Amino acid sequence: MSNSINLQKLAELVGGKLAAGSAERLITGLNSITDAVEGEVTFLGNVRYLPALKTTRATAALVPDDQDISEAPPDLALIRVKNPTLAFSSVIRFFGPPSVAFVPGVHETAVVANDVLFDPQRVSIGPNAVIESGVVIGAGCAIHAGAFIGRGVKLGTDCVIHANAVIKDRCVLGNRVVLHSGSVIGSDGFGYELVKGRHQKIDQVGIVQIDDDVEIGSCTTIDRARFGRTWIGEGSKIDNLVQIGHNCVIGKHCIIVSQTGISGSTRLGNYVTMGGQVGVAGHLEIGDQVMFLAKSGVTKNVLQPGAYTGYPARPLMEGRKMLSLPARIPELIERVRELEKKLAALEGGATKE
């Protein structure tokens, strides 16, 4: 048993209150609400899992301080917190593997241009990383194995560039930016003109600017601007497998989920949320605090805050109604057939008379 903690200290760890259970009872691990067993702690992060809480085998659960948990098992210890999902992060850190220590220095196989500006005592550069001329690297940055940093790139402090991520020429990253493996920042925008039957490439000479505290998932691509900048605002979080086109502007603290595609020159406000597989046409304006549910298709400007769904995306209730209509087609076809039969019978009777 590597770690254990009693319920009272666990409640203190997560900033909660022990509402049921013995303060000295030991917790030795953590797990999901459905998989937890005796000695483990779990959490109720969504009311949809309330039925699962009734049958969980966990010893303890973090639950919302305003949620009725009267039907929980009698031997389940309850720790009430304001936000169980967030509080459970402290539990993960307590029981989880230790963080990998930051080890400054440049690996002997890394290729670093002579004029790169950085402090080797305050930066970590891993095996086979390539850092080209004119790059500036802030203190506390970790550049992992095989990463590529193109000419003239600027990294702020405490950035993490994971293995095989790519930042192409002249792009600018703020502080505490995280790029996961396989992401590509600053590939050419997708711009062509049809000339005499052939697609002629249009030069893409702008940059990508990524502001402080942005995290970008694996295999996400953000295209450089044709001119000017493609801009990702402070605190935004972008999932794996997202495509952001040239000259897009993503506002502050946005959430963009996997397989979303945003076409060029579209501008998002602040606190915009896009579910998985949302598709956004180009040159659109999306207002602050707009939420698109998964698989929405955005074809026109959406400026009013609120939730939208469907293709084309409509306000939530209207969109759900439109999405439900195709399921009624077989029923409607059958009704039309019955009406046609009745009409034919009436017309036949009228002809005989």
Protein backbone atom coordinates (compact mmCIF):
# COMPACT_ATOMS: atom_id res chain seq x y z
CA MET A 1 0.00 0.00 0.00
CA SER A 2 1.83 3.08 -1.25
CA ASN A 3 -0.64 5.71 -0.01
CA SER A 4 -3.53 5.74 2.41
CA ILE A 5 -5.54 8.49 4.06
CA ASN A 6 -8.41 8.54 6.53
CA LEU A 7 -11.74 10.11 5.66
CA GLN A 8 -11.28 13.20 7.81
CA LYS A 9 -7.94 14.05 6.21
CA LEU A 10 -9.37 13.25 2.78
CA ALA A 11 -12.17 15.74 3.38
CA GLU A 12 -9.58 18.35 4.35
CA LEU A 13 -7.51 17.51 1.27
CA VAL A 14 -10.43 18.25 -1.08
CA GLY A 15 -11.75 21.21 0.90
CA GLY A 16 -14.99 19.43 1.75
CA LYS A 17 -17.02 18.29 4.71
CA LEU A 18 -17.41 14.69 5.86
CA ALA A 19 -21.20 14.29 5.94
CA ALA A 20 -21.44 10.54 6.60
CA GLY A 21 -18.94 7.89 7.62
CA SER A 22 -16.29 7.27 10.26
CA ALA A 23 -13.54 9.89 10.28
CA GLU A 24 -10.82 7.27 10.85
CA ARG A 25 -11.86 4.91 8.06
CA LEU A 26 -8.97 4.45 5.63
CA ILE A 27 -8.99 5.10 1.88
CA THR A 28 -6.28 3.37 -0.15
CA GLY A 29 -7.15 4.23 -3.74
CA LEU A 30 -9.56 5.80 -6.20
CA ASN A 31 -11.73 4.62 -9.08
CA SER A 32 -14.79 5.38 -11.19
CA ILE A 33 -18.22 5.20 -9.66
CA THR A 34 -18.98 1.90 -11.42
CA ASP A 35 -15.62 0.18 -10.89
CA ALA A 36 -14.69 1.30 -7.37
CA VAL A 37 -14.37 -1.36 -4.65
CA GLU A 38 -13.95 -1.44 -0.87
CA GLY A 39 -11.21 0.97 0.25
CA GLU A 40 -11.55 3.27 -2.78
CA VAL A 41 -13.02 6.74 -3.17
CA THR A 42 -15.07 7.88 -6.16
CA PHE A 43 -17.05 11.00 -7.08
CA LEU A 44 -20.42 12.08 -8.45
CA GLY A 45 -19.57 14.58 -11.18
CA ASN A 46 -22.85 14.35 -13.09
CA VAL A 47 -26.40 13.67 -11.89
CA ARG A 48 -26.75 11.09 -14.67
CA TYR A 49 -24.58 8.82 -12.54
CA LEU A 50 -26.83 9.08 -9.50
CA PRO A 51 -28.31 5.60 -10.13
CA ALA A 52 -24.76 4.19 -10.23
CA LEU A 53 -24.03 5.79 -6.87
CA LYS A 54 -26.81 3.71 -5.35
CA THR A 55 -24.99 0.49 -6.25
CA THR A 56 -21.35 1.55 -5.99
CA ARG A 57 -19.03 -0.60 -3.89
CA ALA A 58 -16.77 2.36 -3.07
CA THR A 59 -16.01 3.20 0.54
CA ALA A 60 -16.44 6.95 0.00
CA ALA A 61 -17.73 9.38 -2.59
CA LEU A 62 -17.28 13.08 -3.24
CA VAL A 63 -20.74 14.53 -3.87
CA PRO A 64 -22.13 18.02 -4.53
CA ASP A 65 -22.90 19.97 -1.39
CA ASP A 66 -26.38 20.83 -2.74
CA GLN A 67 -27.38 17.38 -4.09
CA ASP A 68 -29.89 15.07 -2.40
CA ILE A 69 -28.06 11.78 -1.81
CA SER A 70 -30.71 10.19 0.43
CA GLU A 71 -30.74 6.95 -1.57
CA ALA A 72 -27.00 6.29 -1.33
CA PRO A 73 -25.91 2.98 0.29
CA PRO A 74 -25.98 3.28 4.08
CA ASP A 75 -22.32 2.32 4.46
CA LEU A 76 -21.09 4.80 1.81
CA ALA A 77 -19.14 7.69 3.34
CA LEU A 78 -20.06 11.03 1.77
CA ILE A 79 -17.78 14.03 1.47
CA ARG A 80 -19.65 17.11 0.33
CA VAL A 81 -17.79 19.56 -1.91
CA LYS A 82 -18.78 22.40 -4.18
CA ASN A 83 -17.42 20.78 -7.35
CA PRO A 84 -16.76 17.03 -7.12
CA THR A 85 -15.02 16.81 -10.50
CA LEU A 86 -12.57 19.55 -9.64
CA ALA A 87 -12.07 18.34 -6.06
CA PHE A 88 -11.31 14.83 -7.30
CA SER A 89 -8.20 16.22 -9.01
CA SER A 90 -6.65 16.55 -5.56
CA VAL A 91 -7.40 12.87 -4.93
CA ILE A 92 -5.76 11.93 -8.22
CA ARG A 93 -2.64 13.87 -7.32
CA PHE A 94 -2.49 12.18 -3.92
CA PHE A 95 -2.86 8.60 -5.18
CA GLY A 96 -1.46 9.00 -8.70
CA PRO A 97 2.08 8.48 -9.95
CA PRO A 98 4.61 11.16 -9.03
CA SER A 99 5.10 13.98 -11.50
CA VAL A 100 8.06 13.68 -13.83
CA ALA A 101 10.78 15.98 -12.57
CA PHE A 102 11.89 18.86 -14.77
CA VAL A 103 15.52 18.19 -15.72
CA PRO A 104 17.21 21.17 -17.38
CA GLY A 105 19.78 20.74 -20.10
CA VAL A 106 20.15 19.82 -23.77
CA HIS A 107 20.30 16.18 -24.82
CA GLU A 108 23.39 15.30 -26.83
CA THR A 109 21.32 14.22 -29.84
CA ALA A 110 19.28 17.44 -30.03
CA VAL A 111 20.06 19.82 -32.91
CA VAL A 112 20.01 23.43 -31.72
CA ALA A 113 21.08 26.33 -33.97
CA ASN A 114 23.94 28.45 -32.65
CA ASP A 115 21.89 31.63 -32.35
CA VAL A 116 18.96 30.18 -30.37
CA LEU A 117 18.37 32.32 -27.28
CA PHE A 118 17.78 30.29 -24.11
CA ASP A 119 19.28 29.46 -20.74
CA PRO A 120 20.38 25.79 -20.82
CA GLN A 121 20.19 25.72 -17.02
CA ARG A 122 16.49 26.64 -17.11
CA VAL A 123 15.27 24.83 -20.26
CA SER A 124 14.95 21.11 -21.05
CA ILE A 125 15.50 19.92 -24.63
CA GLY A 126 15.02 16.20 -25.29
CA PRO A 127 16.55 13.66 -27.67
CA ASN A 128 16.45 14.41 -31.41
CA ALA A 129 14.60 17.69 -30.98
CA VAL A 130 15.39 20.20 -33.75
CA ILE A 131 15.43 23.92 -33.00
CA GLU A 132 16.25 26.19 -35.92
CA SER A 133 17.85 29.61 -36.19
CA GLY A 134 16.43 32.66 -34.46
CA VAL A 135 14.30 30.81 -31.92
CA VAL A 136 13.74 32.34 -28.45
CA ILE A 137 12.87 29.93 -25.62
CA GLY A 138 11.62 31.19 -22.26
CA ALA A 139 12.70 29.84 -18.89
CA GLY A 140 11.04 26.64 -17.70
CA CYS A 141 10.20 25.33 -21.17
CA ALA A 142 10.36 21.58 -21.80
CA ILE A 143 10.82 20.49 -25.41
CA HIS A 144 10.47 16.74 -25.67
CA ALA A 145 11.94 14.13 -28.00
CA GLY A 146 11.63 14.74 -31.72
CA ALA A 147 9.87 18.08 -31.46
CA PHE A 148 10.55 20.59 -34.25
CA ILE A 149 10.77 24.36 -33.65
CA GLY A 150 11.08 26.37 -36.86
CA ARG A 151 13.02 29.54 -37.62
CA GLY A 152 12.19 32.62 -35.57
CA VAL A 153 9.68 30.96 -33.26
CA LYS A 154 9.19 32.58 -29.86
CA LEU A 155 8.21 30.55 -26.79
CA GLY A 156 7.19 32.20 -23.53
CA THR A 157 7.95 30.72 -20.12
CA ASP A 158 7.01 27.25 -18.85
CA CYS A 159 5.75 25.90 -22.18
CA VAL A 160 5.59 22.13 -22.76
CA ILE A 161 6.15 20.89 -26.30
CA HIS A 162 5.50 17.16 -26.30
CA ALA A 163 7.25 14.57 -28.46
CA ASN A 164 7.00 15.09 -32.22
CA ALA A 165 4.97 18.29 -32.03
CA VAL A 166 5.79 20.87 -34.72
CA ILE A 167 5.89 24.67 -34.52
CA LYS A 168 6.70 26.18 -37.88
CA ASP A 169 8.53 29.39 -38.71
CA ARG A 170 7.86 32.65 -36.85
CA CYS A 171 4.92 31.47 -34.76
CA VAL A 172 4.57 33.00 -31.30
CA LEU A 173 3.55 31.15 -28.14
CA GLY A 174 2.80 32.80 -24.81
CA ASN A 175 3.44 31.45 -21.33
CA ARG A 176 2.43 27.98 -20.10
CA VAL A 177 1.29 26.78 -23.52
CA VAL A 178 1.04 22.99 -23.89
CA LEU A 179 1.27 21.26 -27.28
CA HIS A 180 0.63 17.53 -27.33
CA SER A 181 2.31 15.02 -29.62
CA GLY A 182 1.66 15.28 -33.32
CA SER A 183 0.14 18.75 -33.24
CA VAL A 184 1.24 21.10 -36.03
CA ILE A 185 1.22 24.85 -35.49
CA GLY A 186 1.75 27.11 -38.50
CA SER A 187 1.29 24.82 -41.48
CA ASP A 188 0.28 26.71 -44.62
CA GLY A 189 -3.28 27.95 -44.85
CA PHE A 190 -5.34 26.17 -47.48
CA GLY A 191 -5.40 28.77 -50.23
CA TYR A 192 -5.56 28.18 -54.01
CA GLU A 193 -6.93 29.97 -57.07
CA LEU A 194 -8.02 28.17 -60.22
CA VAL A 195 -5.93 29.57 -63.08
CA LYS A 196 -6.31 28.10 -66.58
CA GLY A 197 -7.68 24.87 -65.20
CA ARG A 198 -4.98 24.38 -62.55
CA HIS A 199 -4.97 25.14 -58.81
CA GLN A 200 -2.35 27.78 -58.13
CA LYS A 201 -1.08 28.08 -54.54
CA ILE A 202 -1.56 31.43 -52.81
CA ASP A 203 1.34 32.38 -50.54
CA GLN A 204 0.61 32.10 -46.81
CA VAL A 205 3.02 34.47 -45.06
CA GLY A 206 1.29 35.18 -41.73
CA ILE A 207 1.82 33.49 -38.38
CA VAL A 208 -0.02 31.66 -35.60
CA GLN A 209 -0.16 33.42 -32.24
CA ILE A 210 -1.09 31.34 -29.19
CA ASP A 211 -1.70 33.24 -25.97
CA ASP A 212 -1.04 32.24 -22.35
CA ASP A 213 -2.41 29.03 -20.80
CA VAL A 214 -3.63 27.43 -24.03
CA GLU A 215 -3.52 23.63 -24.32
CA ILE A 216 -3.67 21.94 -27.72
CA GLY A 217 -4.32 18.22 -28.15
CA SER A 218 -2.55 15.58 -30.21
CA CYS A 219 -2.72 15.74 -34.01
CA THR A 220 -4.49 19.10 -34.03
CA THR A 221 -3.52 21.47 -36.83
CA ILE A 222 -3.67 25.26 -36.75
CA ASP A 223 -2.88 26.94 -40.07
CA ARG A 224 -0.83 30.10 -40.38
CA ALA A 225 -2.59 33.18 -41.70
CA ARG A 226 -2.40 34.20 -45.31
CA PHE A 227 -1.15 37.47 -43.84
CA GLY A 228 -1.47 38.78 -40.30
CA ARG A 229 -2.17 36.07 -37.74
CA THR A 230 -4.29 33.10 -36.82
CA TRP A 231 -4.92 33.81 -33.14
CA ILE A 232 -5.78 31.48 -30.25
CA GLY A 233 -6.90 33.43 -27.19
CA GLU A 234 -5.81 33.08 -23.60
CA GLY A 235 -6.92 29.99 -21.68
CA SER A 236 -8.59 28.20 -24.58
CA LYS A 237 -8.44 24.40 -24.61
CA ILE A 238 -8.42 22.52 -27.91
CA ASP A 239 -8.89 18.75 -28.08
CA ASN A 240 -7.18 16.17 -30.30
CA LEU A 241 -7.87 16.07 -34.06
CA VAL A 242 -9.14 19.61 -34.47
CA GLN A 243 -8.54 21.69 -37.62
CA ILE A 244 -8.43 25.49 -37.40
CA GLY A 245 -8.09 27.30 -40.70
CA HIS A 246 -6.02 30.31 -41.64
CA ASN A 247 -6.81 33.74 -40.18
CA CYS A 248 -9.26 32.32 -37.63
CA VAL A 249 -9.53 34.05 -34.27
CA ILE A 250 -10.44 31.91 -31.27
CA GLY A 251 -11.43 33.99 -28.24
CA LYS A 252 -10.44 33.56 -24.62
CA HIS A 253 -11.32 30.43 -22.61
CA CYS A 254 -13.00 28.58 -25.45
CA ILE A 255 -13.46 24.79 -25.48
CA ILE A 256 -13.15 23.03 -28.84
CA VAL A 257 -13.73 19.27 -28.83
CA SER A 258 -12.27 16.55 -31.05
CA GLN A 259 -12.87 16.40 -34.82
CA THR A 260 -14.20 19.94 -35.02
CA GLY A 261 -13.26 21.86 -38.15
CA ILE A 262 -13.28 25.65 -38.34
CA SER A 263 -12.88 27.16 -41.79
CA GLY A 264 -10.69 30.16 -42.51
CA SER A 265 -11.31 33.70 -41.28
CA THR A 266 -14.01 32.71 -38.79
CA ARG A 267 -13.92 34.59 -35.50
CA LEU A 268 -15.06 33.13 -32.18
CA GLY A 269 -15.86 35.26 -29.14
CA ASN A 270 -14.94 34.36 -25.57
CA TYR A 271 -16.16 31.25 -23.71
CA VAL A 272 -17.41 29.54 -26.87
CA THR A 273 -17.90 25.76 -26.62
CA MET A 274 -17.94 23.41 -29.61
CA GLY A 275 -18.79 19.73 -29.14
CA GLY A 276 -17.28 16.90 -31.13
CA GLN A 277 -17.45 16.97 -34.93
CA VAL A 278 -18.84 20.49 -35.20
CA GLY A 279 -18.29 21.96 -38.65
CA VAL A 280 -17.99 25.72 -39.12
CA ALA A 281 -18.07 27.50 -42.48
CA GLY A 282 -15.60 30.28 -43.23
CA HIS A 283 -15.81 34.04 -42.65
CA LEU A 284 -18.37 33.74 -39.84
CA GLU A 285 -18.79 35.57 -36.52
CA ILE A 286 -19.60 33.57 -33.39
CA GLY A 287 -20.52 35.59 -30.29
CA ASP A 288 -19.47 35.17 -26.67
CA GLN A 289 -20.82 32.21 -24.64
CA VAL A 290 -22.25 30.35 -27.60
CA MET A 291 -22.39 26.55 -27.31
CA PHE A 292 -22.69 24.19 -30.28
CA LEU A 293 -23.68 20.62 -29.48
CA ALA A 294 -21.89 17.72 -31.15
CA LYS A 295 -22.18 17.38 -34.95
CA SER A 296 -23.72 20.82 -35.40
CA GLY A 297 -23.18 22.50 -38.74
CA VAL A 298 -22.61 26.25 -38.49
CA THR A 299 -23.42 28.02 -41.75
CA LYS A 300 -24.14 31.60 -40.68
CA ASN A 301 -23.24 34.10 -37.97
CA VAL A 302 -24.43 33.19 -34.45
CA LEU A 303 -24.16 36.18 -32.12
CA GLN A 304 -26.63 35.50 -29.30
CA PRO A 305 -25.39 33.50 -26.29
CA GLY A 306 -26.99 30.10 -25.80
CA ALA A 307 -26.97 26.49 -27.00
CA TYR A 308 -27.41 25.50 -30.64
CA THR A 309 -27.69 22.17 -32.45
CA GLY A 310 -28.48 20.59 -35.81
CA TYR A 311 -27.56 21.27 -39.42
CA PRO A 312 -27.80 24.11 -40.02
CA ALA A 313 -27.35 24.95 -36.34
CA ARG A 314 -30.46 26.40 -34.70
CA PRO A 315 -31.34 27.39 -31.13
CA LEU A 316 -31.44 24.26 -28.97
CA MET A 317 -35.15 23.46 -28.80
CA GLU A 318 -35.79 24.36 -32.43
CA GLY A 319 -32.77 22.36 -33.50
CA ARG A 320 -33.84 19.29 -31.52
CA LYS A 321 -37.30 19.46 -33.09
CA MET A 322 -35.79 19.58 -36.58
CA LEU A 323 -33.49 16.67 -35.79
CA SER A 324 -36.45 14.58 -34.63
CA LEU A 325 -38.47 15.06 -37.82
CA PRO A 326 -36.63 12.57 -40.10
CA ALA A 327 -37.51 9.76 -37.70
CA ARG A 328 -41.21 10.43 -38.45
CA ILE A 329 -40.83 10.02 -42.22
CA PRO A 330 -41.86 6.31 -42.34
CA GLU A 331 -44.96 7.11 -40.27
CA LEU A 332 -45.85 10.06 -42.52
CA ILE A 333 -45.36 7.99 -45.68
CA GLU A 334 -47.72 5.34 -44.32
CA ARG A 335 -50.32 7.99 -43.49
CA VAL A 336 -50.06 9.42 -47.02
CA ARG A 337 -50.58 5.93 -48.46
CA GLU A 338 -53.68 5.41 -46.34
CA LEU A 339 -55.05 8.79 -47.43
CA GLU A 340 -54.35 7.95 -51.08
CA LYS A 341 -56.26 4.67 -50.69
CA LYS A 342 -59.22 6.46 -49.12
CA LEU A 343 -59.16 9.14 -51.81
CA ALA A 344 -59.01 6.50 -54.55
CA ALA A 345 -61.98 4.71 -52.98
CA LEU A 346 -63.99 7.94 -52.82
CA GLU A 347 -63.15 8.80 -56.43
CA GLY A 348 -64.12 5.26 -57.50
CA GLY A 349 -67.49 5.59 -55.76
CA ALA A 350 -68.15 8.96 -57.35
CA THR A 351 -67.40 7.57 -60.83
CA LYS A 352 -69.95 4.73 -60.44
CA GLU A 353 -72.66 7.18 -59.43
